[in-house]
Amino acid sequence: MVQLIDDLFRMRMLIAGIYLALGISSMYGFSIFTDHLRNKYGYSQSEITTISTVGICVGYCGFHAGVLFDYVGPTVLLPLGGLFGCLGFVLFGMTFDGTITTSSVALFALYQGITSLGLPMMDVSSVMSLMLQFPLERGYVVLIMKTFNGLGTAVLMAYFNGWFKAANSDQPEENNYSGYAYFTGGQILLCSLIGACFTRLPTYFPCSWTKKRLSSEEAAEREKTLDLYMSQHVCGECCWTHGHGVSRYEVVRVTACRQDKDTDDHCTSHWLPVVGGGALPLCRATGECAAAAVFAWSHGQRRWLGCGRDRFTDYVL
């Protein structure tokens, strides 16, 4: 029996990780508030630096993120981190627009600390999950994620200049800093929820909460999938089934025909389990050329999957 990792599922997870990186970069965008804190509240540069330093220190002491990641995994940790990150920026916005009437260096440092408490949770959940899902390409994964961590600050500045900066004035007090804070908090929460929908630990590495509920046989079966992850590179030219009855962990029969003929002389068949997601790389599984015709049996129905160099269309016969 041929077993495969779902590469499409892994690539979706990588794209979700890029969105998470954009949200995480909000941690380094505090300098946008500098002029507002100086002009409206009269803070000195030393006081403003104190606020940002508190956030950096809290972020670099994020041991809690690793502990929680090992215990509950990214599906729980990502929304939790998004809530903390969103809360911190919402508190900034409520103070800027006067909803919270009390303001001080200590309170702003607290808000920055709350934000920096949640964003490392998102960072750990995304980077570690992707490294475990891509053990053969983990260097490239870290490169992509950390690149977007840095590029995200430029994206945030573009958001601010385009939507929240006063168009006809150079006066900082006329900019909509509270609106920007609310927007950034909402973006962090949205990115964390997107990440929670697509980010999963690989089968061979369950979190502690899941591991305690596995039987010894189930744990052994999961550990065997490590060999798959250590042998299958990300597929560059694959054909995929897009749902239509092929479900997660289902075993389907796939037939590849070299000359577009469904005959015994030209076809080879395989029983293939879908490991880790909702799609199946058929051409890679069968070892046929990229122009082969592929048939899959799912729920008792034969489906022609018209395999080609581009993504194919699923036709039900």
C-alpha atoms as a PDB file:
ATOM      1  CA  MET A   1       0.000   0.000   0.000  1.00  0.00           C
ATOM      2  CA  VAL A   2       1.351   3.412  -1.021  1.00  0.00           C
ATOM      3  CA  GLN A   3       1.092   6.168   1.564  1.00  0.00           C
ATOM      4  CA  LEU A   4       1.432   9.860   0.800  1.00  0.00           C
ATOM      5  CA  ILE A   5       1.444  13.147   2.662  1.00  0.00           C
ATOM      6  CA  ASP A   6      -1.105  15.676   1.477  1.00  0.00           C
ATOM      7  CA  ASP A   7       1.097  18.362  -0.087  1.00  0.00           C
ATOM      8  CA  LEU A   8      -1.824  20.633  -0.940  1.00  0.00           C
ATOM      9  CA  PHE A   9      -2.819  20.703   2.719  1.00  0.00           C
ATOM     10  CA  ARG A  10       0.756  21.559   3.677  1.00  0.00           C
ATOM     11  CA  MET A  11       0.914  24.402   1.152  1.00  0.00           C
ATOM     12  CA  ARG A  12      -2.351  25.836   2.466  1.00  0.00           C
ATOM     13  CA  MET A  13      -0.815  25.768   5.910  1.00  0.00           C
ATOM     14  CA  LEU A  14       2.238  27.644   4.615  1.00  0.00           C
ATOM     15  CA  ILE A  15       0.062  30.375   3.082  1.00  0.00           C
ATOM     16  CA  ALA A  16      -1.835  30.671   6.374  1.00  0.00           C
ATOM     17  CA  GLY A  17       1.543  30.977   8.092  1.00  0.00           C
ATOM     18  CA  ILE A  18       2.397  33.959   5.879  1.00  0.00           C
ATOM     19  CA  TYR A  19      -0.789  35.709   7.003  1.00  0.00           C
ATOM     20  CA  LEU A  20       0.130  34.903  10.595  1.00  0.00           C
ATOM     21  CA  ALA A  21       3.570  36.436  10.038  1.00  0.00           C
ATOM     22  CA  LEU A  22       1.921  39.660   8.882  1.00  0.00           C
ATOM     23  CA  GLY A  23      -0.107  39.745  12.089  1.00  0.00           C
ATOM     24  CA  ILE A  24       2.912  38.931  14.253  1.00  0.00           C
ATOM     25  CA  SER A  25       4.841  41.841  12.716  1.00  0.00           C
ATOM     26  CA  SER A  26       2.486  44.212  14.576  1.00  0.00           C
ATOM     27  CA  MET A  27       4.788  43.675  17.540  1.00  0.00           C
ATOM     28  CA  TYR A  28       7.419  45.787  15.768  1.00  0.00           C
ATOM     29  CA  GLY A  29       5.050  48.555  14.624  1.00  0.00           C
ATOM     30  CA  PHE A  30       4.861  50.467  17.899  1.00  0.00           C
ATOM     31  CA  SER A  31       6.898  53.357  16.452  1.00  0.00           C
ATOM     32  CA  ILE A  32       3.792  54.531  14.552  1.00  0.00           C
ATOM     33  CA  PHE A  33       2.377  55.697  17.903  1.00  0.00           C
ATOM     34  CA  THR A  34       5.522  57.644  18.842  1.00  0.00           C
ATOM     35  CA  ASP A  35       4.467  61.062  17.508  1.00  0.00           C
ATOM     36  CA  HIS A  36       0.998  60.711  18.998  1.00  0.00           C
ATOM     37  CA  LEU A  37       2.323  59.830  22.458  1.00  0.00           C
ATOM     38  CA  ARG A  38       4.751  62.735  22.326  1.00  0.00           C
ATOM     39  CA  ASN A  39       2.330  65.400  21.051  1.00  0.00           C
ATOM     40  CA  LYS A  40      -0.922  64.454  22.806  1.00  0.00           C
ATOM     41  CA  TYR A  41       0.372  63.092  26.113  1.00  0.00           C
ATOM     42  CA  GLY A  42       3.664  64.994  26.354  1.00  0.00           C
ATOM     43  CA  TYR A  43       5.798  61.907  26.932  1.00  0.00           C
ATOM     44  CA  SER A  44       9.553  62.199  26.580  1.00  0.00           C
ATOM     45  CA  GLN A  45      11.578  59.883  24.378  1.00  0.00           C
ATOM     46  CA  SER A  46      12.745  58.046  27.488  1.00  0.00           C
ATOM     47  CA  GLU A  47       9.145  57.314  28.545  1.00  0.00           C
ATOM     48  CA  ILE A  48       8.177  56.174  25.045  1.00  0.00           C
ATOM     49  CA  THR A  49      11.220  53.898  24.944  1.00  0.00           C
ATOM     50  CA  THR A  50      10.178  52.446  28.306  1.00  0.00           C
ATOM     51  CA  ILE A  51       6.778  51.475  26.869  1.00  0.00           C
ATOM     52  CA  SER A  52       8.266  49.726  23.844  1.00  0.00           C
ATOM     53  CA  THR A  53      10.990  48.052  25.926  1.00  0.00           C
ATOM     54  CA  VAL A  54       8.414  46.477  28.231  1.00  0.00           C
ATOM     55  CA  GLY A  55       6.731  44.910  25.211  1.00  0.00           C
ATOM     56  CA  ILE A  56      10.017  43.610  23.814  1.00  0.00           C
ATOM     57  CA  CYS A  57      11.012  42.091  27.165  1.00  0.00           C
ATOM     58  CA  VAL A  58       7.650  40.364  27.557  1.00  0.00           C
ATOM     59  CA  GLY A  59       7.891  39.038  24.003  1.00  0.00           C
ATOM     60  CA  TYR A  60      11.393  37.654  24.504  1.00  0.00           C
ATOM     61  CA  CYS A  61      10.320  35.943  27.731  1.00  0.00           C
ATOM     62  CA  GLY A  62       7.593  33.993  25.970  1.00  0.00           C
ATOM     63  CA  PHE A  63       8.414  30.615  27.495  1.00  0.00           C
ATOM     64  CA  HIS A  64       4.723  30.152  28.166  1.00  0.00           C
ATOM     65  CA  ALA A  65       4.116  29.932  24.410  1.00  0.00           C
ATOM     66  CA  GLY A  66       6.353  26.884  24.021  1.00  0.00           C
ATOM     67  CA  VAL A  67       4.832  25.141  27.038  1.00  0.00           C
ATOM     68  CA  LEU A  68       1.279  25.702  25.808  1.00  0.00           C
ATOM     69  CA  PHE A  69       2.215  24.667  22.270  1.00  0.00           C
ATOM     70  CA  ASP A  70       3.550  21.316  23.472  1.00  0.00           C
ATOM     71  CA  TYR A  71       0.447  20.703  25.566  1.00  0.00           C
ATOM     72  CA  VAL A  72      -2.515  21.856  23.431  1.00  0.00           C
ATOM     73  CA  GLY A  73      -1.045  22.457  19.973  1.00  0.00           C
ATOM     74  CA  PRO A  74      -1.603  25.309  17.512  1.00  0.00           C
ATOM     75  CA  THR A  75      -5.361  24.922  17.072  1.00  0.00           C
ATOM     76  CA  VAL A  76      -5.996  26.197  20.603  1.00  0.00           C
ATOM     77  CA  LEU A  77      -2.943  28.412  21.025  1.00  0.00           C
ATOM     78  CA  LEU A  78      -3.429  30.510  17.878  1.00  0.00           C
ATOM     79  CA  PRO A  79      -6.868  31.936  18.828  1.00  0.00           C
ATOM     80  CA  LEU A  80      -5.627  32.509  22.384  1.00  0.00           C
ATOM     81  CA  GLY A  81      -2.630  34.476  21.148  1.00  0.00           C
ATOM     82  CA  GLY A  82      -4.834  36.402  18.732  1.00  0.00           C
ATOM     83  CA  LEU A  83      -7.151  37.423  21.566  1.00  0.00           C
ATOM     84  CA  PHE A  84      -4.269  38.806  23.641  1.00  0.00           C
ATOM     85  CA  GLY A  85      -2.782  40.641  20.664  1.00  0.00           C
ATOM     86  CA  CYS A  86      -6.148  42.090  19.705  1.00  0.00           C
ATOM     87  CA  LEU A  87      -6.900  43.114  23.302  1.00  0.00           C
ATOM     88  CA  GLY A  88      -3.690  45.110  23.607  1.00  0.00           C
ATOM     89  CA  PHE A  89      -4.351  47.167  20.475  1.00  0.00           C
ATOM     90  CA  VAL A  90      -8.016  47.659  21.375  1.00  0.00           C
ATOM     91  CA  LEU A  91      -6.923  49.118  24.729  1.00  0.00           C
ATOM     92  CA  PHE A  92      -4.578  51.474  22.871  1.00  0.00           C
ATOM     93  CA  GLY A  93      -7.451  52.554  20.629  1.00  0.00           C
ATOM     94  CA  MET A  94      -9.868  53.072  23.518  1.00  0.00           C
ATOM     95  CA  THR A  95      -7.323  55.269  25.279  1.00  0.00           C
ATOM     96  CA  PHE A  96      -6.581  57.283  22.143  1.00  0.00           C
ATOM     97  CA  ASP A  97     -10.259  58.043  21.434  1.00  0.00           C
ATOM     98  CA  GLY A  98     -11.062  58.894  25.064  1.00  0.00           C
ATOM     99  CA  THR A  99     -13.143  55.841  25.964  1.00  0.00           C
ATOM    100  CA  ILE A 100     -10.544  55.097  28.635  1.00  0.00           C
ATOM    101  CA  THR A 101      -9.963  58.456  30.292  1.00  0.00           C
ATOM    102  CA  THR A 102      -6.920  57.492  32.368  1.00  0.00           C
ATOM    103  CA  SER A 103      -3.549  57.382  30.644  1.00  0.00           C
ATOM    104  CA  SER A 104      -0.045  56.889  31.966  1.00  0.00           C
ATOM    105  CA  VAL A 105       3.249  55.349  30.979  1.00  0.00           C
ATOM    106  CA  ALA A 106       2.467  52.342  33.176  1.00  0.00           C
ATOM    107  CA  LEU A 107      -0.891  51.731  31.477  1.00  0.00           C
ATOM    108  CA  PHE A 108       0.543  52.037  27.973  1.00  0.00           C
ATOM    109  CA  ALA A 109       3.355  49.678  28.982  1.00  0.00           C
ATOM    110  CA  LEU A 110       0.698  47.251  30.243  1.00  0.00           C
ATOM    111  CA  TYR A 111      -1.142  47.418  26.914  1.00  0.00           C
ATOM    112  CA  GLN A 112       2.079  46.796  25.021  1.00  0.00           C
ATOM    113  CA  GLY A 113       2.883  43.912  27.347  1.00  0.00           C
ATOM    114  CA  ILE A 114      -0.517  42.298  26.744  1.00  0.00           C
ATOM    115  CA  THR A 115       0.046  42.521  22.994  1.00  0.00           C
ATOM    116  CA  SER A 116       3.538  41.068  23.305  1.00  0.00           C
ATOM    117  CA  LEU A 117       2.167  38.275  25.487  1.00  0.00           C
ATOM    118  CA  GLY A 118      -0.061  36.994  22.687  1.00  0.00           C
ATOM    119  CA  LEU A 119       2.002  37.498  19.537  1.00  0.00           C
ATOM    120  CA  PRO A 120       4.771  35.026  20.541  1.00  0.00           C
ATOM    121  CA  MET A 121       2.049  32.380  20.889  1.00  0.00           C
ATOM    122  CA  MET A 122       1.148  32.959  17.252  1.00  0.00           C
ATOM    123  CA  ASP A 123       4.810  32.933  16.231  1.00  0.00           C
ATOM    124  CA  VAL A 124       5.623  29.667  17.992  1.00  0.00           C
ATOM    125  CA  SER A 125       2.451  27.970  16.738  1.00  0.00           C
ATOM    126  CA  SER A 126       3.051  28.882  13.106  1.00  0.00           C
ATOM    127  CA  VAL A 127       6.814  28.374  12.821  1.00  0.00           C
ATOM    128  CA  MET A 128       7.034  25.159  14.846  1.00  0.00           C
ATOM    129  CA  SER A 129       4.029  23.567  13.134  1.00  0.00           C
ATOM    130  CA  LEU A 130       5.424  24.344   9.688  1.00  0.00           C
ATOM    131  CA  MET A 131       8.881  23.048  10.614  1.00  0.00           C
ATOM    132  CA  LEU A 132       7.309  19.789  11.758  1.00  0.00           C
ATOM    133  CA  GLN A 133       5.173  19.558   8.619  1.00  0.00           C
ATOM    134  CA  PHE A 134       8.144  20.306   6.322  1.00  0.00           C
ATOM    135  CA  PRO A 135      11.079  18.485   7.978  1.00  0.00           C
ATOM    136  CA  LEU A 136      12.991  18.305   4.683  1.00  0.00           C
ATOM    137  CA  GLU A 137      12.403  21.981   3.831  1.00  0.00           C
ATOM    138  CA  ARG A 138      12.365  23.528   7.290  1.00  0.00           C
ATOM    139  CA  GLY A 139      15.142  25.991   6.437  1.00  0.00           C
ATOM    140  CA  TYR A 140      13.106  27.435   3.583  1.00  0.00           C
ATOM    141  CA  VAL A 141      10.019  27.553   5.791  1.00  0.00           C
ATOM    142  CA  VAL A 142      11.793  29.588   8.473  1.00  0.00           C
ATOM    143  CA  LEU A 143      13.220  31.872   5.770  1.00  0.00           C
ATOM    144  CA  ILE A 144       9.747  32.568   4.363  1.00  0.00           C
ATOM    145  CA  MET A 145       8.135  33.117   7.752  1.00  0.00           C
ATOM    146  CA  LYS A 146      10.788  35.446   9.137  1.00  0.00           C
ATOM    147  CA  THR A 147      10.936  37.399   5.883  1.00  0.00           C
ATOM    148  CA  PHE A 148       7.250  38.203   6.175  1.00  0.00           C
ATOM    149  CA  ASN A 149       7.725  39.018   9.871  1.00  0.00           C
ATOM    150  CA  GLY A 150       9.938  41.866   8.703  1.00  0.00           C
ATOM    151  CA  LEU A 151       7.961  42.839   5.608  1.00  0.00           C
ATOM    152  CA  GLY A 152       4.807  43.058   7.704  1.00  0.00           C
ATOM    153  CA  THR A 153       5.951  46.302   9.316  1.00  0.00           C
ATOM    154  CA  ALA A 154       6.121  47.917   5.872  1.00  0.00           C
ATOM    155  CA  VAL A 155       2.613  46.634   5.148  1.00  0.00           C
ATOM    156  CA  LEU A 156       1.349  48.153   8.411  1.00  0.00           C
ATOM    157  CA  MET A 157       2.914  51.507   7.535  1.00  0.00           C
ATOM    158  CA  ALA A 158       1.229  51.360   4.127  1.00  0.00           C
ATOM    159  CA  TYR A 159      -2.119  50.713   5.834  1.00  0.00           C
ATOM    160  CA  PHE A 160      -1.577  53.675   8.143  1.00  0.00           C
ATOM    161  CA  ASN A 161      -0.479  56.076   5.395  1.00  0.00           C
ATOM    162  CA  GLY A 162      -3.289  55.028   3.084  1.00  0.00           C
ATOM    163  CA  TRP A 163      -6.271  54.852   5.431  1.00  0.00           C
ATOM    164  CA  PHE A 164      -5.543  56.547   8.755  1.00  0.00           C
ATOM    165  CA  LYS A 165      -3.172  59.429   8.059  1.00  0.00           C
ATOM    166  CA  ALA A 166      -4.728  62.865   7.504  1.00  0.00           C
ATOM    167  CA  ALA A 167      -4.637  63.498   3.762  1.00  0.00           C
ATOM    168  CA  ASN A 168      -4.444  67.295   3.802  1.00  0.00           C
ATOM    169  CA  SER A 169      -2.347  67.914   6.875  1.00  0.00           C
ATOM    170  CA  ASP A 170       1.088  67.099   8.236  1.00  0.00           C
ATOM    171  CA  GLN A 171      -0.051  67.513  11.841  1.00  0.00           C
ATOM    172  CA  PRO A 172       0.237  64.181  13.721  1.00  0.00           C
ATOM    173  CA  GLU A 173      -2.703  65.009  16.003  1.00  0.00           C
ATOM    174  CA  GLU A 174      -5.074  64.911  13.017  1.00  0.00           C
ATOM    175  CA  ASN A 175      -4.241  61.305  12.169  1.00  0.00           C
ATOM    176  CA  ASN A 176      -6.697  58.583  13.170  1.00  0.00           C
ATOM    177  CA  TYR A 177      -4.505  56.643  15.583  1.00  0.00           C
ATOM    178  CA  SER A 178      -7.421  55.031  17.402  1.00  0.00           C
ATOM    179  CA  GLY A 179      -8.848  53.705  14.136  1.00  0.00           C
ATOM    180  CA  TYR A 180      -5.461  52.281  13.209  1.00  0.00           C
ATOM    181  CA  ALA A 181      -5.182  50.574  16.608  1.00  0.00           C
ATOM    182  CA  TYR A 182      -8.631  48.993  16.214  1.00  0.00           C
ATOM    183  CA  PHE A 183      -7.798  47.903  12.668  1.00  0.00           C
ATOM    184  CA  THR A 184      -4.508  46.306  13.698  1.00  0.00           C
ATOM    185  CA  GLY A 185      -6.153  44.473  16.589  1.00  0.00           C
ATOM    186  CA  GLY A 186      -8.833  43.123  14.270  1.00  0.00           C
ATOM    187  CA  GLN A 187      -6.192  42.043  11.772  1.00  0.00           C
ATOM    188  CA  ILE A 188      -4.291  40.122  14.445  1.00  0.00           C
ATOM    189  CA  LEU A 189      -7.444  38.304  15.533  1.00  0.00           C
ATOM    190  CA  LEU A 190      -8.445  37.523  11.939  1.00  0.00           C
ATOM    191  CA  CYS A 191      -4.987  36.182  11.071  1.00  0.00           C
ATOM    192  CA  SER A 192      -4.978  33.990  14.174  1.00  0.00           C
ATOM    193  CA  LEU A 193      -8.370  32.510  13.272  1.00  0.00           C
ATOM    194  CA  ILE A 194      -7.248  31.846   9.696  1.00  0.00           C
ATOM    195  CA  GLY A 195      -4.157  30.154  11.069  1.00  0.00           C
ATOM    196  CA  ALA A 196      -6.215  28.053  13.483  1.00  0.00           C
ATOM    197  CA  CYS A 197      -8.346  26.795  10.582  1.00  0.00           C
ATOM    198  CA  PHE A 198      -5.388  25.558   8.527  1.00  0.00           C
ATOM    199  CA  THR A 199      -2.523  24.873  10.947  1.00  0.00           C
ATOM    200  CA  ARG A 200      -2.207  21.330  12.257  1.00  0.00           C
ATOM    201  CA  LEU A 201       0.520  19.262  13.823  1.00  0.00           C
ATOM    202  CA  PRO A 202       1.747  16.332  11.717  1.00  0.00           C
ATOM    203  CA  THR A 203       0.418  12.887  12.494  1.00  0.00           C
ATOM    204  CA  TYR A 204       3.684  11.700  14.048  1.00  0.00           C
ATOM    205  CA  PHE A 205       3.839  14.611  16.538  1.00  0.00           C
ATOM    206  CA  PRO A 206       0.601  14.864  18.544  1.00  0.00           C
ATOM    207  CA  CYS A 207       0.364  17.396  21.348  1.00  0.00           C
ATOM    208  CA  SER A 208       0.485  16.147  24.934  1.00  0.00           C
ATOM    209  CA  TRP A 209      -3.286  16.490  25.362  1.00  0.00           C
ATOM    210  CA  THR A 210      -3.898  14.250  22.344  1.00  0.00           C
ATOM    211  CA  LYS A 211      -1.086  11.837  23.162  1.00  0.00           C
ATOM    212  CA  LYS A 212      -2.600  11.042  26.564  1.00  0.00           C
ATOM    213  CA  ARG A 213      -5.792   9.915  24.830  1.00  0.00           C
ATOM    214  CA  LEU A 214      -4.155   7.644  22.258  1.00  0.00           C
ATOM    215  CA  SER A 215      -3.874   3.913  22.678  1.00  0.00           C
ATOM    216  CA  SER A 216      -0.459   2.316  22.282  1.00  0.00           C
ATOM    217  CA  GLU A 217      -1.487   0.960  18.867  1.00  0.00           C
ATOM    218  CA  GLU A 218      -2.648   4.378  17.664  1.00  0.00           C
ATOM    219  CA  ALA A 219       0.535   6.015  18.918  1.00  0.00           C
ATOM    220  CA  ALA A 220       2.651   3.427  17.110  1.00  0.00           C
ATOM    221  CA  GLU A 221       0.751   3.966  13.856  1.00  0.00           C
ATOM    222  CA  ARG A 222       1.274   7.706  14.121  1.00  0.00           C
ATOM    223  CA  GLU A 223       4.996   7.297  14.751  1.00  0.00           C
ATOM    224  CA  LYS A 224       5.340   5.236  11.581  1.00  0.00           C
ATOM    225  CA  THR A 225       4.277   8.227   9.478  1.00  0.00           C
ATOM    226  CA  LEU A 226       7.532   9.994  10.396  1.00  0.00           C
ATOM    227  CA  ASP A 227       9.240   8.023   7.632  1.00  0.00           C
ATOM    228  CA  LEU A 228       6.831   9.576   5.116  1.00  0.00           C
ATOM    229  CA  TYR A 229       7.642  13.101   6.221  1.00  0.00           C
ATOM    230  CA  MET A 230      11.371  12.350   6.112  1.00  0.00           C
ATOM    231  CA  SER A 231      11.209  10.943   2.571  1.00  0.00           C
ATOM    232  CA  GLN A 232       8.634  13.019   0.659  1.00  0.00           C
ATOM    233  CA  HIS A 233       9.689  16.449  -0.559  1.00  0.00           C
ATOM    234  CA  VAL A 234       7.056  19.006  -1.467  1.00  0.00           C
ATOM    235  CA  CYS A 235       5.607  18.039  -4.842  1.00  0.00           C
ATOM    236  CA  GLY A 236       6.239  20.570  -7.610  1.00  0.00           C
ATOM    237  CA  GLU A 237       3.981  19.140 -10.329  1.00  0.00           C
ATOM    238  CA  CYS A 238       1.107  17.142  -8.858  1.00  0.00           C
ATOM    239  CA  CYS A 239      -2.514  16.536  -9.608  1.00  0.00           C
ATOM    240  CA  TRP A 240      -5.052  16.767  -6.837  1.00  0.00           C
ATOM    241  CA  THR A 241      -8.544  15.644  -6.059  1.00  0.00           C
ATOM    242  CA  HIS A 242     -10.626  18.577  -4.835  1.00  0.00           C
ATOM    243  CA  GLY A 243     -13.091  17.001  -2.418  1.00  0.00           C
ATOM    244  CA  HIS A 244     -16.096  15.539  -4.261  1.00  0.00           C
ATOM    245  CA  GLY A 245     -16.334  12.573  -1.933  1.00  0.00           C
ATOM    246  CA  VAL A 246     -12.640  12.035  -1.185  1.00  0.00           C
ATOM    247  CA  SER A 247     -12.421  12.748   2.541  1.00  0.00           C
ATOM    248  CA  ARG A 248      -9.664  12.972   5.099  1.00  0.00           C
ATOM    249  CA  TYR A 249      -7.910   9.698   6.016  1.00  0.00           C
ATOM    250  CA  GLU A 250     -10.018   7.847   3.419  1.00  0.00           C
ATOM    251  CA  VAL A 251      -8.462   4.998   1.438  1.00  0.00           C
ATOM    252  CA  VAL A 252      -9.255   5.290  -2.278  1.00  0.00           C
ATOM    253  CA  ARG A 253      -8.343   3.225  -5.316  1.00  0.00           C
ATOM    254  CA  VAL A 254      -6.495   5.167  -7.999  1.00  0.00           C
ATOM    255  CA  THR A 255      -5.875   3.931 -11.536  1.00  0.00           C
ATOM    256  CA  ALA A 256      -3.450   5.674 -13.908  1.00  0.00           C
ATOM    257  CA  CYS A 257      -3.607   4.991 -17.654  1.00  0.00           C
ATOM    258  CA  ARG A 258      -0.667   5.996 -19.819  1.00  0.00           C
ATOM    259  CA  GLN A 259      -2.627   6.343 -23.049  1.00  0.00           C
ATOM    260  CA  ASP A 260      -5.947   7.637 -21.756  1.00  0.00           C
ATOM    261  CA  LYS A 261      -7.445   4.156 -21.999  1.00  0.00           C
ATOM    262  CA  ASP A 262      -9.126   2.369 -19.149  1.00  0.00           C
ATOM    263  CA  THR A 263      -7.790  -1.070 -20.066  1.00  0.00           C
ATOM    264  CA  ASP A 264      -5.619  -3.568 -18.254  1.00  0.00           C
ATOM    265  CA  ASP A 265      -2.851  -3.136 -20.836  1.00  0.00           C
ATOM    266  CA  HIS A 266      -2.378   0.545 -20.135  1.00  0.00           C
ATOM    267  CA  CYS A 267      -3.454   1.028 -16.524  1.00  0.00           C
ATOM    268  CA  THR A 268      -1.981   0.470 -13.091  1.00  0.00           C
ATOM    269  CA  SER A 269      -3.961   0.611  -9.856  1.00  0.00           C
ATOM    270  CA  HIS A 270      -3.064   1.581  -6.306  1.00  0.00           C
ATOM    271  CA  TRP A 271      -4.900   1.783  -3.014  1.00  0.00           C
ATOM    272  CA  LEU A 272      -3.926   5.130  -1.507  1.00  0.00           C
ATOM    273  CA  PRO A 273      -4.788   6.541   1.948  1.00  0.00           C
ATOM    274  CA  VAL A 274      -5.052  10.313   2.239  1.00  0.00           C
ATOM    275  CA  VAL A 275      -2.661  11.267   5.056  1.00  0.00           C
ATOM    276  CA  GLY A 276      -3.265  14.565   6.849  1.00  0.00           C
ATOM    277  CA  GLY A 277      -5.802  16.480   4.791  1.00  0.00           C
ATOM    278  CA  GLY A 278      -8.507  16.604   2.151  1.00  0.00           C
ATOM    279  CA  ALA A 279      -6.598  16.226  -1.129  1.00  0.00           C
ATOM    280  CA  LEU A 280      -4.490  13.574  -2.845  1.00  0.00           C
ATOM    281  CA  PRO A 281      -1.461  13.995  -5.148  1.00  0.00           C
ATOM    282  CA  LEU A 282      -2.332  11.345  -7.712  1.00  0.00           C
ATOM    283  CA  CYS A 283       0.388  11.611 -10.354  1.00  0.00           C
ATOM    284  CA  ARG A 284       3.123  11.478  -7.766  1.00  0.00           C
ATOM    285  CA  ALA A 285       1.425   8.507  -6.154  1.00  0.00           C
ATOM    286  CA  THR A 286       1.153   6.403  -9.292  1.00  0.00           C
ATOM    287  CA  GLY A 287       4.531   7.319 -10.730  1.00  0.00           C
ATOM    288  CA  GLU A 288       3.010   7.881 -14.168  1.00  0.00           C
ATOM    289  CA  CYS A 289       3.810  10.716 -16.534  1.00  0.00           C
ATOM    290  CA  ALA A 290       2.164  14.087 -15.961  1.00  0.00           C
ATOM    291  CA  ALA A 291      -0.103  13.561 -18.979  1.00  0.00           C
ATOM    292  CA  ALA A 292      -1.623  10.333 -17.677  1.00  0.00           C
ATOM    293  CA  ALA A 293      -5.327   9.868 -17.190  1.00  0.00           C
ATOM    294  CA  VAL A 294      -6.250   9.058 -13.609  1.00  0.00           C
ATOM    295  CA  PHE A 295      -9.332   7.373 -12.203  1.00  0.00           C
ATOM    296  CA  ALA A 296     -10.275   7.236  -8.529  1.00  0.00           C
ATOM    297  CA  TRP A 297     -12.836   5.026  -6.833  1.00  0.00           C
ATOM    298  CA  SER A 298     -14.479   6.795  -3.909  1.00  0.00           C
ATOM    299  CA  HIS A 299     -17.680   5.760  -2.147  1.00  0.00           C
ATOM    300  CA  GLY A 300     -18.318   3.204  -4.875  1.00  0.00           C
ATOM    301  CA  GLN A 301     -18.195   5.728  -7.736  1.00  0.00           C
ATOM    302  CA  ARG A 302     -15.540   6.005 -10.420  1.00  0.00           C
ATOM    303  CA  ARG A 303     -14.252   9.520 -11.027  1.00  0.00           C
ATOM    304  CA  TRP A 304     -12.121  10.654 -13.937  1.00  0.00           C
ATOM    305  CA  LEU A 305      -9.563  13.176 -12.761  1.00  0.00           C
ATOM    306  CA  GLY A 306      -7.984  14.161 -16.113  1.00  0.00           C
ATOM    307  CA  CYS A 307      -4.434  14.501 -14.835  1.00  0.00           C
ATOM    308  CA  GLY A 308      -2.243  17.098 -16.582  1.00  0.00           C
ATOM    309  CA  ARG A 309       0.538  19.568 -15.882  1.00  0.00           C
ATOM    310  CA  ASP A 310      -1.939  22.108 -14.567  1.00  0.00           C
ATOM    311  CA  ARG A 311      -4.565  21.462 -11.913  1.00  0.00           C
ATOM    312  CA  PHE A 312      -7.161  19.215 -13.394  1.00  0.00           C
ATOM    313  CA  THR A 313     -10.933  19.306 -13.230  1.00  0.00           C
ATOM    314  CA  ASP A 314     -12.882  16.577 -11.475  1.00  0.00           C
ATOM    315  CA  TYR A 315     -15.491  14.981 -13.738  1.00  0.00           C
ATOM    316  CA  VAL A 316     -17.933  12.483 -12.260  1.00  0.00           C
ATOM    317  CA  LEU A 317     -18.793   9.638 -14.643  1.00  0.00           C
END
